[in-house]
């Protein structure tokens, strides 16, 4: 697929959201996202105050991560479930709050293992847009049509901008 065939994003303000989940340190070269979700998956039934029918896969990148991309650079990856409150936290799980902020939202259909959408976002769309990358969490909303590595999988990719 040619990267220029991806649709333009919508620009949206994401409201502050409380979540519960787990995190791991990883890199693009040593991606352990599957292990992270496999660890959280069986524990989701312990979360009593789930507030939405989707999951969030979130990345926290060091401030200069995108200045000179290196696939071995480490970042923090979170597997998260939206909750109505952090008042109830199953033992061993962690609280996380996504702050409110402006995002470019890409509706993506395809395999989650295909890096071309991110190549398009960071090398084509963002440099040509009036926006710059903001230093806040990047995340994917994984709804009912998310099927991981299947070609008909759907997700929303949220890129922090200002």
Protein backbone atom coordinates (compact mmCIF):
# COMPACT_ATOMS: atom_id res chain seq x y z
CA UNK A 1 0.00 0.00 0.00
CA UNK A 2 1.28 3.46 -0.87
CA UNK A 3 1.57 5.56 2.28
CA UNK A 4 -0.05 8.56 0.57
CA UNK A 5 -3.35 6.63 0.38
CA UNK A 6 -4.03 7.05 4.10
CA UNK A 7 -6.85 9.47 4.92
CA UNK A 8 -6.24 12.76 6.67
CA UNK A 9 -6.93 12.72 10.39
CA UNK A 10 -9.62 14.53 12.29
CA UNK A 11 -8.38 17.02 14.90
CA UNK A 12 -10.00 16.34 18.25
CA UNK A 13 -9.66 17.23 21.91
CA UNK A 14 -9.41 14.09 24.01
CA UNK A 15 -10.95 14.58 27.47
CA UNK A 16 -9.05 13.54 30.58
CA UNK A 17 -9.61 9.81 31.08
CA UNK A 18 -8.87 7.46 33.95
CA UNK A 19 -7.59 3.98 33.16
CA UNK A 20 -6.24 0.87 34.85
CA UNK A 21 -3.63 -1.49 33.46
CA UNK A 22 0.01 -2.53 33.25
CA UNK A 23 3.15 -1.18 31.64
CA UNK A 24 6.50 -2.45 30.32
CA UNK A 25 9.64 -0.82 29.00
CA UNK A 26 10.35 -1.83 25.40
CA UNK A 27 11.68 -0.63 22.05
CA UNK A 28 10.51 -0.99 18.46
CA UNK A 29 13.33 -3.51 17.91
CA UNK A 30 12.36 -5.47 21.05
CA UNK A 31 8.59 -5.04 21.01
CA UNK A 32 6.89 -7.00 23.81
CA UNK A 33 3.38 -5.58 23.33
CA UNK A 34 1.91 -9.09 22.89
CA UNK A 35 3.33 -10.18 26.25
CA UNK A 36 2.02 -7.02 27.91
CA UNK A 37 -1.55 -7.63 26.69
CA UNK A 38 -1.30 -11.36 27.43
CA UNK A 39 -0.42 -10.43 31.01
CA UNK A 40 -3.31 -7.96 31.39
CA UNK A 41 -5.95 -9.95 29.46
CA UNK A 42 -6.81 -12.55 32.11
CA UNK A 43 -6.96 -9.81 34.77
CA UNK A 44 -9.53 -7.59 33.01
CA UNK A 45 -12.38 -9.50 34.72
CA UNK A 46 -11.02 -8.21 38.09
CA UNK A 47 -11.66 -4.58 37.07
CA UNK A 48 -15.11 -3.73 38.49
CA UNK A 49 -15.60 -0.17 37.21
CA UNK A 50 -14.96 -0.43 33.45
CA UNK A 51 -16.46 2.65 31.79
CA UNK A 52 -16.17 1.90 28.04
CA UNK A 53 -16.12 -1.04 25.63
CA UNK A 54 -12.62 -0.51 24.24
CA UNK A 55 -8.98 -0.87 25.27
CA UNK A 56 -6.14 1.61 24.99
CA UNK A 57 -2.60 0.75 23.92
CA UNK A 58 -0.52 3.74 25.01
CA UNK A 59 3.09 4.82 24.53
CA UNK A 60 5.07 7.32 26.63
CA UNK A 61 8.13 8.41 24.70
CA UNK A 62 11.18 10.26 26.10
CA UNK A 63 11.13 13.94 25.14
CA UNK A 64 13.70 13.66 22.31
CA UNK A 65 12.55 10.23 21.06
CA UNK A 66 11.43 11.48 17.63
CA UNK A 67 14.32 13.92 17.02
CA UNK A 68 16.50 11.10 15.73
CA UNK A 69 14.53 7.86 15.59
CA UNK A 70 16.39 4.75 16.70
CA UNK A 71 14.51 1.40 16.80
CA UNK A 72 16.52 0.43 19.91
CA UNK A 73 15.45 3.50 21.93
CA UNK A 74 13.37 2.48 24.95
CA UNK A 75 9.90 3.83 25.72
CA UNK A 76 7.09 2.87 28.12
CA UNK A 77 4.11 0.93 26.74
CA UNK A 78 0.82 0.61 28.62
CA UNK A 79 -2.08 -1.83 28.16
CA UNK A 80 -5.09 0.01 29.62
CA UNK A 81 -8.81 -0.31 30.33
CA UNK A 82 -11.00 2.82 30.80
CA UNK A 83 -12.55 3.10 34.26
CA UNK A 84 -15.04 5.47 35.87
CA UNK A 85 -12.82 6.02 38.91
CA UNK A 86 -9.50 4.96 40.38
CA UNK A 87 -11.23 4.17 43.69
CA UNK A 88 -11.09 0.42 43.06
CA UNK A 89 -7.74 -0.96 41.93
CA UNK A 90 -7.09 -4.70 41.73
CA UNK A 91 -3.82 -5.69 43.38
CA UNK A 92 -0.89 -5.56 40.97
CA UNK A 93 -2.61 -3.27 38.46
CA UNK A 94 -1.76 0.42 38.10
CA UNK A 95 -3.72 3.66 37.68
CA UNK A 96 -3.09 5.91 34.69
CA UNK A 97 -4.71 9.20 33.64
CA UNK A 98 -4.51 10.53 30.09
CA UNK A 99 -4.56 14.34 30.34
CA UNK A 100 -6.93 16.36 28.17
CA UNK A 101 -5.30 17.53 24.97
CA UNK A 102 -5.41 18.10 21.23
CA UNK A 103 -4.83 15.08 18.97
CA UNK A 104 -4.68 14.13 15.32
CA UNK A 105 -6.88 11.03 15.06
CA UNK A 106 -6.21 8.57 12.24
CA UNK A 107 -8.85 5.92 11.48
CA UNK A 108 -6.72 2.96 10.49
CA UNK A 109 -7.81 -0.30 8.89
CA UNK A 110 -5.18 -3.01 8.53
CA UNK A 111 -2.75 -5.17 10.43
CA UNK A 112 -1.39 -3.71 13.67
CA UNK A 113 2.03 -5.05 12.67
CA UNK A 114 2.21 -2.81 9.57
CA UNK A 115 4.50 0.19 10.33
CA UNK A 116 3.54 2.14 7.17
CA UNK A 117 0.77 4.13 8.87
CA UNK A 118 3.26 5.51 11.41
CA UNK A 119 5.79 6.21 8.66
CA UNK A 120 3.08 8.20 6.87
CA UNK A 121 2.08 10.10 10.03
CA UNK A 122 5.60 11.14 11.05
CA UNK A 123 7.31 11.59 7.67
CA UNK A 124 4.46 12.85 5.47
CA UNK A 125 1.40 14.13 7.30
CA UNK A 126 2.95 15.83 10.35
CA UNK A 127 5.71 17.76 8.48
CA UNK A 128 3.13 19.06 5.96
CA UNK A 129 0.53 19.95 8.60
CA UNK A 130 0.33 23.22 10.58
CA UNK A 131 0.85 21.18 13.79
CA UNK A 132 3.88 20.03 15.75
CA UNK A 133 4.18 16.98 17.95
CA UNK A 134 3.33 17.61 21.60
CA UNK A 135 5.03 15.76 24.47
CA UNK A 136 2.04 13.81 25.79
CA UNK A 137 0.98 10.17 25.50
CA UNK A 138 0.44 8.60 22.06
CA UNK A 139 -2.21 5.89 22.01
CA UNK A 140 -4.44 3.62 19.99
CA UNK A 141 -8.11 3.05 20.77
CA UNK A 142 -8.89 -0.63 20.21
CA UNK A 143 -12.66 -1.03 19.82
CA UNK A 144 -14.93 -3.91 18.87
CA UNK A 145 -13.57 -4.03 15.28
CA UNK A 146 -9.95 -4.39 16.43
CA UNK A 147 -8.53 -7.78 15.36
CA UNK A 148 -4.78 -7.26 15.95
CA UNK A 149 -2.82 -8.49 12.93
CA UNK A 150 -5.76 -9.17 10.59
CA UNK A 151 -6.07 -6.98 7.49
CA UNK A 152 -9.67 -6.03 8.34
CA UNK A 153 -8.74 -4.86 11.86
CA UNK A 154 -9.76 -1.30 12.75
CA UNK A 155 -8.35 1.12 15.31
CA UNK A 156 -7.93 4.81 15.99
CA UNK A 157 -4.41 6.20 16.28
CA UNK A 158 -4.22 9.32 18.49
CA UNK A 159 -1.11 11.51 17.99
CA UNK A 160 -0.62 14.46 20.42
CA UNK A 161 -0.28 17.79 18.60
CA UNK A 162 -0.20 21.50 19.28
